[in-house]
Amino acid sequence: METPTQGGGAEATSATILGQNVIYDKKADKDFSWETTIAHEISHQWWGDLITLRTWSETWLNESFGTYSDYLYTRFDKGEDEGALALLEKKNSYLREAHERYIRPIVFNRYEHPGQNFDRHTYPKGACALHLLRFILGDKSFFRTLQHFLHKHAFQPVDTHDLKIAVKEATGQNMDWFFEQYIYKPGHPVFDIGYKWDENLAKVQLKVAQIQDFSLGIPVYKMPVIIGITTSKGKVAKKVWIKQKEEMFEFEVNEKPLMVRFDEGNYLLKEWTFDKKMDELLYQLKNDDVIGKMWAASELVKFKGDTLVAEELRERIQNDSFWAVRRSALEALSEVEVDANIELLKKVCEEKNSKVRATALKILGDTKDSKYVSFFKERFNKENSYVAQAEALRSLGKCGDRSQISFLKKAAEMESPRNVINRAADWALKELLKGRQDDEIE
């Protein structure tokens, strides 16, 4: 008879149910922390237990609020940068589903079975919609609304209409337009952005176009956005409202900007293109917030082979204070220039953050150069991260030969969270054997 299991977590009135994987060793904590899951499930004591959904189509009133709560925990416990990254990861999780599977409204009653509502639209997209609502209302009004909503409907089933009324009662604002666009319609805004600085007029002229596929029922969105403009004299932030498919905004600026930032503060759930010149991207890489730095790094891959770009990426890899920026710069450098940075990659394999180390190991493995085999074996034996160890094994599979089989088989016997070591070793073994078969065919 199979032992009953709980994969993640689940709420129950007065209790939280957690899977057995919540118990792990100290080594696993850096890569497999359950803190956000625990925060999410605890938040269900309010969102799901104190109030609960009236029908399955309203699943977001449990799960989006739970997901936003685990973001709030991350922001409180680990600081602004980790919070911003957590929110970005939620946005990207939803966007992957929107691109690879489907788009649907968050409140959705055309499901075949209730489980279809438990997807990335309900969890991360709904959480991002709440973050935007918070931005529009302001912190005081947003949290007053949540308090009023919970107290008014305690121990009752609710739907989105109840939340809309709670906003009006708590703030005096009619936000029906927000719910119509972001909760009852599918999709998200896709922006094409560009600007020019007119020296004669001393103005920045910013063009914002919404280019999402309107034929799918995606609306033309209305929303506020903050435009940040940085010059040698400092930064100014201007809030404007987007209401049309295409709009032009003008800002008085007495000198050529060093950087123009669309969505200062990263409040919008969006996709966007914003073509910038290399000098502005390099400035943004060094001076923006962590989300802006990561985006600038990804944009700089357009300048493949440029020595200045490679130099600045190396500087961020070694000196940026936030690990995710170092990782983004490392990923960008791997596309801009690899061969000249082997020693740096080896050095990064010993840096303090395990996720950055794992990325460096992967990039080295992608060279498929057999001279790094001993290095990967050494890193596997010295690593204190299961994830980095797993990457060392995969790289060994990409660069090694059949003489590494015994090493990989022994590694496969190691116990690890989610069997990451075993799965990596199995993948590496198959990669080695595949390489051998290819050689024989040739």
Protein backbone atom coordinates (compact mmCIF):
# COMPACT_ATOMS: atom_id res chain seq x y z
CA MET A 1 0.00 0.00 0.00
CA GLU A 2 1.34 3.43 -0.92
CA THR A 3 2.05 5.94 1.83
CA PRO A 4 -0.19 9.04 1.61
CA THR A 5 1.76 12.13 0.63
CA GLN A 6 1.27 15.89 0.52
CA GLY A 7 3.22 17.47 -2.31
CA GLY A 8 3.26 21.08 -1.19
CA GLY A 9 1.01 22.71 1.34
CA ALA A 10 -2.70 23.12 1.99
CA GLU A 11 -4.87 25.17 4.29
CA ALA A 12 -7.36 23.88 6.80
CA THR A 13 -9.27 25.92 9.37
CA SER A 14 -6.96 26.54 12.36
CA ALA A 15 -4.20 24.41 10.82
CA THR A 16 -1.68 24.29 7.99
CA ILE A 17 -0.86 21.04 6.21
CA LEU A 18 2.67 20.75 4.83
CA GLY A 19 4.34 18.02 2.82
CA GLN A 20 7.03 15.87 4.38
CA ASN A 21 9.65 17.58 2.21
CA VAL A 22 9.41 20.59 4.52
CA ILE A 23 11.92 18.71 6.68
CA TYR A 24 15.38 18.90 5.15
CA ASP A 25 19.01 19.27 6.16
CA LYS A 26 20.90 22.52 6.64
CA LYS A 27 22.71 22.14 3.32
CA ALA A 28 19.39 22.20 1.45
CA ASP A 29 18.18 25.41 3.05
CA LYS A 30 19.94 27.74 0.60
CA ASP A 31 18.24 26.15 -2.41
CA PHE A 32 15.06 24.48 -1.16
CA SER A 33 13.63 26.77 1.49
CA TRP A 34 9.95 26.30 2.28
CA GLU A 35 9.58 29.72 3.87
CA THR A 36 7.37 31.18 1.16
CA THR A 37 5.18 28.06 1.07
CA ILE A 38 4.74 28.27 4.83
CA ALA A 39 3.90 32.00 4.58
CA HIS A 40 1.43 31.27 1.77
CA GLU A 41 -0.36 28.56 3.72
CA ILE A 42 -0.48 30.58 6.93
CA SER A 43 -2.06 33.47 5.02
CA HIS A 44 -4.93 31.13 4.09
CA GLN A 45 -6.15 31.47 7.67
CA TRP A 46 -7.53 34.77 6.34
CA TRP A 47 -7.74 34.16 2.57
CA GLY A 48 -9.55 30.83 2.32
CA ASP A 49 -10.57 30.10 5.89
CA LEU A 50 -11.86 33.34 7.45
CA ILE A 51 -13.44 34.08 4.08
CA THR A 52 -13.59 31.65 1.18
CA LEU A 53 -14.56 31.54 -2.48
CA ARG A 54 -18.25 31.37 -3.37
CA THR A 55 -17.60 29.31 -6.52
CA TRP A 56 -14.50 27.71 -8.06
CA SER A 57 -14.36 30.50 -10.64
CA GLU A 58 -13.40 32.81 -7.75
CA THR A 59 -10.34 30.74 -6.76
CA TRP A 60 -8.14 33.82 -6.98
CA LEU A 61 -9.71 35.21 -3.78
CA ASN A 62 -7.92 32.38 -1.97
CA GLU A 63 -4.81 31.76 -4.01
CA SER A 64 -3.86 35.15 -5.44
CA PHE A 65 -4.11 36.67 -1.99
CA GLY A 66 -2.07 33.79 -0.56
CA THR A 67 0.59 34.26 -3.24
CA TYR A 68 0.70 38.00 -2.67
CA SER A 69 1.07 37.33 1.05
CA ASP A 70 4.17 35.21 0.50
CA TYR A 71 5.62 38.10 -1.53
CA LEU A 72 4.87 40.44 1.40
CA TYR A 73 6.66 38.03 3.72
CA THR A 74 9.73 37.91 1.45
CA ARG A 75 9.83 41.71 1.19
CA PHE A 76 9.55 42.07 4.98
CA ASP A 77 12.00 39.33 5.93
CA LYS A 78 14.66 39.59 3.22
CA GLY A 79 14.48 43.18 2.08
CA GLU A 80 13.51 45.24 -0.93
CA ASP A 81 15.77 43.56 -3.49
CA GLU A 82 14.67 40.00 -2.67
CA GLY A 83 11.06 41.18 -2.64
CA ALA A 84 11.42 42.79 -6.07
CA LEU A 85 12.99 39.62 -7.45
CA ALA A 86 10.21 37.46 -5.96
CA LEU A 87 7.59 39.63 -7.66
CA LEU A 88 9.48 39.50 -10.98
CA GLU A 89 9.61 35.70 -10.77
CA LYS A 90 5.84 35.63 -10.26
CA LYS A 91 5.33 37.82 -13.31
CA ASN A 92 7.60 35.62 -15.42
CA SER A 93 5.87 32.45 -14.19
CA TYR A 94 2.53 33.75 -15.44
CA LEU A 95 4.03 35.01 -18.72
CA ARG A 96 5.45 31.56 -19.47
CA GLU A 97 1.97 30.06 -19.10
CA ALA A 98 0.46 32.83 -21.23
CA HIS A 99 2.96 32.11 -24.02
CA GLU A 100 3.23 28.34 -23.80
CA ARG A 101 -0.32 27.26 -22.83
CA TYR A 102 -3.19 29.77 -22.82
CA ILE A 103 -4.57 33.05 -21.60
CA ARG A 104 -7.83 33.36 -19.71
CA PRO A 105 -9.53 35.81 -17.35
CA ILE A 106 -8.57 35.43 -13.69
CA VAL A 107 -12.25 34.96 -12.81
CA PHE A 108 -13.13 32.11 -15.15
CA ASN A 109 -16.27 29.95 -15.13
CA ARG A 110 -15.73 27.89 -18.30
CA TYR A 111 -13.58 25.21 -16.68
CA GLU A 112 -14.14 21.48 -17.18
CA HIS A 113 -13.13 20.64 -13.61
CA PRO A 114 -12.24 22.86 -10.62
CA GLY A 115 -8.55 21.95 -10.70
CA GLN A 116 -8.11 23.91 -13.93
CA ASN A 117 -8.44 27.10 -11.90
CA PHE A 118 -5.30 26.28 -9.89
CA ASP A 119 -2.81 27.58 -12.42
CA ARG A 120 -0.39 30.47 -12.92
CA HIS A 121 -3.22 32.83 -13.77
CA THR A 122 -4.77 32.26 -10.37
CA TYR A 123 -1.57 32.26 -8.29
CA PRO A 124 1.11 34.64 -9.68
CA LYS A 125 -0.97 36.68 -12.15
CA GLY A 126 -3.59 37.44 -9.52
CA ALA A 127 -0.86 38.38 -7.03
CA CYS A 128 0.60 40.81 -9.59
CA ALA A 129 -2.86 42.29 -10.17
CA LEU A 130 -3.13 42.91 -6.42
CA HIS A 131 0.25 44.63 -6.43
CA LEU A 132 -0.96 46.93 -9.20
CA LEU A 133 -4.17 47.65 -7.29
CA ARG A 134 -2.03 48.54 -4.27
CA PHE A 135 0.02 50.93 -6.42
CA ILE A 136 -3.11 52.63 -7.76
CA LEU A 137 -4.88 52.94 -4.39
CA GLY A 138 -1.80 53.64 -2.28
CA ASP A 139 -0.70 51.58 0.71
CA LYS A 140 -3.06 53.11 3.27
CA SER A 141 -6.19 52.67 1.14
CA PHE A 142 -5.17 49.22 -0.09
CA PHE A 143 -4.62 47.69 3.33
CA ARG A 144 -7.69 49.45 4.74
CA THR A 145 -9.69 47.79 1.95
CA LEU A 146 -8.33 44.35 2.84
CA GLN A 147 -9.14 44.84 6.50
CA HIS A 148 -12.67 46.02 5.73
CA PHE A 149 -13.25 43.16 3.27
CA LEU A 150 -12.18 40.53 5.80
CA HIS A 151 -14.15 41.97 8.72
CA LYS A 152 -17.32 42.54 6.71
CA HIS A 153 -17.40 39.02 5.27
CA ALA A 154 -15.83 36.99 8.08
CA PHE A 155 -16.92 33.32 8.00
CA GLN A 156 -18.76 33.83 4.71
CA PRO A 157 -18.21 32.87 1.06
CA VAL A 158 -17.34 35.81 -1.18
CA ASP A 159 -16.88 36.73 -4.81
CA THR A 160 -15.10 39.52 -6.69
CA HIS A 161 -18.23 41.69 -6.63
CA ASP A 162 -17.93 41.77 -2.81
CA LEU A 163 -14.33 42.93 -3.13
CA LYS A 164 -15.31 45.69 -5.59
CA ILE A 165 -17.89 46.97 -3.10
CA ALA A 166 -15.35 46.78 -0.26
CA VAL A 167 -12.97 49.02 -2.25
CA LYS A 168 -15.72 51.62 -2.69
CA GLU A 169 -16.75 51.48 0.97
CA ALA A 170 -13.19 51.65 2.34
CA THR A 171 -11.73 54.24 -0.04
CA GLY A 172 -14.59 56.05 -1.75
CA GLN A 173 -13.08 55.10 -5.12
CA ASN A 174 -14.86 53.25 -7.90
CA MET A 175 -12.36 50.72 -9.23
CA ASP A 176 -14.79 48.75 -11.40
CA TRP A 177 -12.68 49.63 -14.47
CA PHE A 178 -9.67 47.96 -12.87
CA PHE A 179 -11.51 44.70 -12.17
CA GLU A 180 -13.06 44.70 -15.64
CA GLN A 181 -9.64 44.94 -17.32
CA TYR A 182 -7.36 42.94 -15.04
CA ILE A 183 -9.67 40.35 -13.47
CA TYR A 184 -12.47 39.76 -15.99
CA LYS A 185 -10.45 40.08 -19.22
CA PRO A 186 -7.60 37.83 -20.42
CA GLY A 187 -4.02 38.80 -21.15
CA HIS A 188 -1.76 41.67 -20.19
CA PRO A 189 -0.36 44.84 -21.77
CA VAL A 190 2.49 44.59 -24.25
CA PHE A 191 4.28 47.89 -24.74
CA ASP A 192 6.55 49.25 -27.42
CA ILE A 193 8.36 52.24 -25.95
CA GLY A 194 10.74 54.80 -27.36
CA TYR A 195 11.89 58.30 -26.59
CA LYS A 196 13.97 61.15 -27.89
CA TRP A 197 15.44 64.20 -26.23
CA ASP A 198 14.74 67.43 -28.07
CA GLU A 199 17.63 69.75 -27.27
CA ASN A 200 15.91 72.83 -28.72
CA LEU A 201 12.73 72.32 -26.71
CA ALA A 202 14.61 70.91 -23.69
CA LYS A 203 12.10 68.07 -23.51
CA VAL A 204 12.00 64.29 -23.45
CA GLN A 205 9.29 63.00 -25.77
CA LEU A 206 8.22 59.50 -24.75
CA LYS A 207 6.05 57.37 -27.01
CA VAL A 208 4.10 54.49 -25.45
CA ALA A 209 2.18 52.06 -27.68
CA GLN A 210 0.12 49.06 -26.56
CA ILE A 211 0.66 46.28 -29.11
CA GLN A 212 -1.02 43.25 -27.50
CA ASP A 213 -3.25 41.06 -29.69
CA PHE A 214 -6.63 42.76 -29.23
CA SER A 215 -8.38 40.08 -31.33
CA LEU A 216 -8.03 37.69 -28.36
CA GLY A 217 -10.24 39.86 -26.18
CA ILE A 218 -7.30 41.60 -24.52
CA PRO A 219 -8.28 45.20 -23.78
CA VAL A 220 -6.51 48.50 -24.27
CA TYR A 221 -5.37 48.99 -20.70
CA LYS A 222 -5.75 52.00 -18.47
CA MET A 223 -3.13 52.39 -15.76
CA PRO A 224 -0.77 54.82 -14.07
CA VAL A 225 2.96 54.43 -14.65
CA ILE A 226 5.97 56.20 -13.21
CA ILE A 227 8.58 57.52 -15.64
CA GLY A 228 12.01 58.00 -14.11
CA ILE A 229 14.40 60.42 -15.83
CA THR A 230 18.00 60.62 -14.66
CA THR A 231 20.44 63.37 -15.61
CA SER A 232 23.73 64.54 -14.14
CA LYS A 233 21.67 66.65 -11.72
CA GLY A 234 19.78 63.67 -10.30
CA LYS A 235 16.58 61.73 -10.92
CA VAL A 236 12.98 62.91 -11.22
CA ALA A 237 9.95 60.61 -11.24
CA LYS A 238 6.74 61.58 -13.00
CA LYS A 239 3.45 59.64 -12.75
CA VAL A 240 1.34 59.63 -15.91
CA TRP A 241 -1.82 57.75 -16.91
CA ILE A 242 -1.88 55.49 -19.95
CA LYS A 243 -5.36 55.30 -21.47
CA GLN A 244 -4.97 54.89 -25.25
CA LYS A 245 -3.35 52.50 -27.72
CA GLU A 246 -0.70 55.11 -28.48
CA GLU A 247 0.26 58.10 -26.40
CA MET A 248 3.00 60.70 -26.35
CA PHE A 249 4.23 62.22 -23.11
CA GLU A 250 6.55 65.20 -22.80
CA PHE A 251 8.77 66.05 -19.86
CA GLU A 252 10.90 69.15 -19.43
CA VAL A 253 14.54 68.10 -19.19
CA ASN A 254 17.35 70.62 -19.48
CA GLU A 255 20.05 68.19 -20.57
CA LYS A 256 20.34 64.86 -22.35
CA PRO A 257 19.18 62.10 -19.97
CA LEU A 258 21.57 59.46 -18.75
CA MET A 259 18.61 57.09 -18.37
CA VAL A 260 14.88 57.08 -19.02
CA ARG A 261 13.05 54.41 -17.08
CA PHE A 262 9.56 53.14 -17.94
CA ASP A 263 7.68 51.74 -14.91
CA GLU A 264 9.95 53.05 -12.18
CA GLY A 265 9.20 50.85 -9.19
CA ASN A 266 8.24 47.83 -11.36
CA TYR A 267 4.53 47.90 -10.54
CA LEU A 268 3.09 46.76 -13.88
CA LEU A 269 2.49 43.24 -15.11
CA LYS A 270 3.75 43.74 -18.64
CA GLU A 271 5.87 42.78 -21.57
CA TRP A 272 7.76 45.52 -23.33
CA THR A 273 10.36 46.47 -25.84
CA PHE A 274 12.36 49.61 -25.21
CA ASP A 275 15.21 50.01 -27.65
CA LYS A 276 18.12 51.82 -26.00
CA LYS A 277 21.62 52.73 -27.03
CA MET A 278 24.59 50.98 -25.51
CA ASP A 279 25.74 53.90 -23.36
CA GLU A 280 22.36 54.17 -21.64
CA LEU A 281 22.19 50.42 -21.02
CA LEU A 282 25.67 50.48 -19.49
CA TYR A 283 24.61 53.32 -17.19
CA GLN A 284 21.45 51.42 -16.25
CA LEU A 285 23.46 48.28 -15.53
CA LYS A 286 25.44 50.15 -12.87
CA ASN A 287 22.90 52.59 -11.45
CA ASP A 288 19.32 51.30 -11.67
CA ASP A 289 17.40 49.17 -9.15
CA VAL A 290 18.02 45.42 -9.30
CA ILE A 291 15.18 44.74 -11.78
CA GLY A 292 16.43 47.48 -14.10
CA LYS A 293 20.00 46.20 -13.85
CA MET A 294 18.91 42.67 -14.74
CA TRP A 295 16.93 43.94 -17.73
CA ALA A 296 19.87 46.06 -18.91
CA ALA A 297 22.16 43.02 -18.74
CA SER A 298 19.76 41.01 -20.90
CA GLU A 299 19.57 43.86 -23.44
CA LEU A 300 23.35 44.19 -23.68
CA VAL A 301 23.62 40.79 -25.37
CA LYS A 302 22.73 42.70 -28.55
CA PHE A 303 26.27 44.06 -28.50
CA LYS A 304 28.03 40.73 -28.87
CA GLY A 305 31.79 41.07 -29.19
CA ASP A 306 31.95 44.62 -27.83
CA THR A 307 34.88 44.86 -25.42
CA LEU A 308 33.35 47.68 -23.35
CA VAL A 309 30.15 45.71 -22.80
CA ALA A 310 32.14 42.65 -21.76
CA GLU A 311 34.22 44.76 -19.38
CA GLU A 312 31.18 46.27 -17.67
CA LEU A 313 29.47 42.89 -17.37
CA ARG A 314 32.60 41.48 -15.74
CA GLU A 315 32.58 44.38 -13.30
CA ARG A 316 28.96 43.66 -12.29
CA ILE A 317 29.67 39.94 -11.94
CA GLN A 318 32.43 40.65 -9.47
CA ASN A 319 31.12 43.70 -7.62
CA ASP A 320 27.34 44.01 -7.64
CA SER A 321 25.88 43.64 -4.16
CA PHE A 322 22.86 41.56 -5.27
CA TRP A 323 23.31 37.99 -6.40
CA ALA A 324 20.58 38.02 -9.08
CA VAL A 325 22.26 40.94 -10.85
CA ARG A 326 25.57 39.06 -10.76
CA ARG A 327 23.82 36.04 -12.27
CA SER A 328 22.11 38.10 -14.99
CA ALA A 329 25.42 39.74 -15.89
CA LEU A 330 27.04 36.30 -16.01
CA GLU A 331 24.34 34.97 -18.35
CA ALA A 332 24.73 38.02 -20.58
CA LEU A 333 28.52 37.72 -20.65
CA SER A 334 28.20 34.10 -21.78
CA GLU A 335 26.46 35.38 -24.92
CA VAL A 336 28.71 38.39 -25.46
CA GLU A 337 32.08 36.74 -24.87
CA VAL A 338 33.05 33.35 -23.37
CA ASP A 339 36.56 32.19 -24.26
CA ALA A 340 38.27 35.24 -22.75
CA ASN A 341 36.48 34.75 -19.43
CA ILE A 342 37.28 31.17 -18.46
CA GLU A 343 39.32 32.13 -15.42
CA LEU A 344 36.57 34.46 -14.24
CA LEU A 345 34.01 31.66 -14.66
CA LYS A 346 36.16 29.35 -12.55
CA LYS A 347 36.46 32.06 -9.91
CA VAL A 348 32.69 32.59 -9.89
CA CYS A 349 32.25 28.86 -9.27
CA GLU A 350 33.49 29.64 -5.76
CA GLU A 351 31.44 32.79 -5.11
CA LYS A 352 29.10 33.01 -2.11
CA ASN A 353 25.72 32.47 -3.78
CA SER A 354 24.90 28.93 -4.87
CA LYS A 355 22.63 30.00 -7.73
CA VAL A 356 25.39 32.12 -9.27
CA ARG A 357 27.86 29.26 -8.84
CA ALA A 358 25.46 26.88 -10.57
CA THR A 359 25.10 29.29 -13.50
CA ALA A 360 28.87 29.55 -13.88
CA LEU A 361 29.18 25.75 -13.84
CA LYS A 362 26.51 25.45 -16.53
CA ILE A 363 28.22 28.02 -18.77
CA LEU A 364 31.54 26.19 -18.44
CA GLY A 365 29.80 22.91 -19.21
CA ASP A 366 28.25 24.36 -22.35
CA THR A 367 31.76 24.75 -23.80
CA LYS A 368 31.83 20.92 -24.00
CA ASP A 369 35.59 21.11 -23.48
CA SER A 370 37.05 17.95 -21.93
CA LYS A 371 39.85 19.88 -20.20
CA TYR A 372 37.36 21.00 -17.51
CA VAL A 373 36.38 17.47 -16.44
CA SER A 374 38.69 17.40 -13.41
CA PHE A 375 37.46 20.87 -12.43
CA PHE A 376 33.82 19.72 -12.40
CA LYS A 377 34.69 16.68 -10.28
CA GLU A 378 36.60 18.88 -7.85
CA ARG A 379 33.70 21.32 -7.59
CA PHE A 380 31.24 18.49 -6.99
CA ASN A 381 33.31 17.20 -4.08
CA LYS A 382 33.81 20.65 -2.53
CA GLU A 383 30.33 22.10 -3.06
CA ASN A 384 27.95 22.75 -0.14
CA SER A 385 24.94 23.23 -2.42
CA TYR A 386 22.93 20.36 -3.90
CA VAL A 387 21.89 22.53 -6.85
CA ALA A 388 25.46 23.51 -7.70
CA GLN A 389 26.57 19.89 -7.30
CA ALA A 390 23.85 18.83 -9.72
CA GLU A 391 25.04 21.40 -12.25
CA ALA A 392 28.62 20.14 -11.89
CA LEU A 393 27.39 16.65 -12.75
CA ARG A 394 25.46 17.83 -15.80
CA SER A 395 28.51 19.73 -17.00
CA LEU A 396 30.56 16.60 -16.48
CA GLY A 397 28.12 14.79 -18.75
CA LYS A 398 28.51 17.47 -21.42
CA CYS A 399 32.33 17.53 -21.29
CA GLY A 400 33.39 14.05 -20.15
CA ASP A 401 33.72 10.60 -21.65
CA ARG A 402 33.00 7.02 -20.59
CA SER A 403 35.81 7.13 -18.04
CA GLN A 404 33.50 9.28 -15.86
CA ILE A 405 30.76 6.65 -15.65
CA SER A 406 31.86 5.18 -12.30
CA PHE A 407 32.07 8.68 -10.77
CA LEU A 408 28.57 9.50 -11.98
CA LYS A 409 27.13 6.19 -10.79
CA LYS A 410 28.54 6.76 -7.33
CA ALA A 411 27.16 10.31 -7.28
CA ALA A 412 23.74 8.98 -8.26
CA GLU A 413 23.58 7.11 -4.95
CA MET A 414 23.70 10.33 -2.91
CA GLU A 415 20.49 11.34 -1.20
CA SER A 416 19.31 14.86 -1.98
CA PRO A 417 16.15 16.99 -1.88
CA ARG A 418 13.83 16.17 -4.79
CA ASN A 419 16.52 13.70 -5.93
CA VAL A 420 18.33 16.51 -7.74
CA ILE A 421 21.70 14.75 -7.55
CA ASN A 422 20.36 11.42 -8.76
CA ARG A 423 18.47 13.03 -11.63
CA ALA A 424 21.49 15.11 -12.67
CA ALA A 425 23.77 12.06 -12.59
CA ASP A 426 21.29 10.05 -14.67
CA TRP A 427 21.08 12.87 -17.21
CA ALA A 428 24.87 13.11 -17.39
CA LEU A 429 25.21 9.35 -17.91
CA LYS A 430 22.72 9.44 -20.78
CA GLU A 431 24.57 12.42 -22.26
CA LEU A 432 27.87 10.52 -22.12
CA LEU A 433 26.36 7.44 -23.76
CA LYS A 434 24.64 9.57 -26.38
CA GLY A 435 27.97 11.20 -27.20
CA ARG A 436 29.54 7.76 -27.54
CA GLN A 437 26.80 6.60 -29.93
CA ASP A 438 27.22 9.76 -32.04
CA ASP A 439 30.96 9.07 -32.31
CA GLU A 440 30.30 5.50 -33.48
CA ILE A 441 27.83 6.70 -36.12
CA GLU A 442 30.37 9.15 -37.47
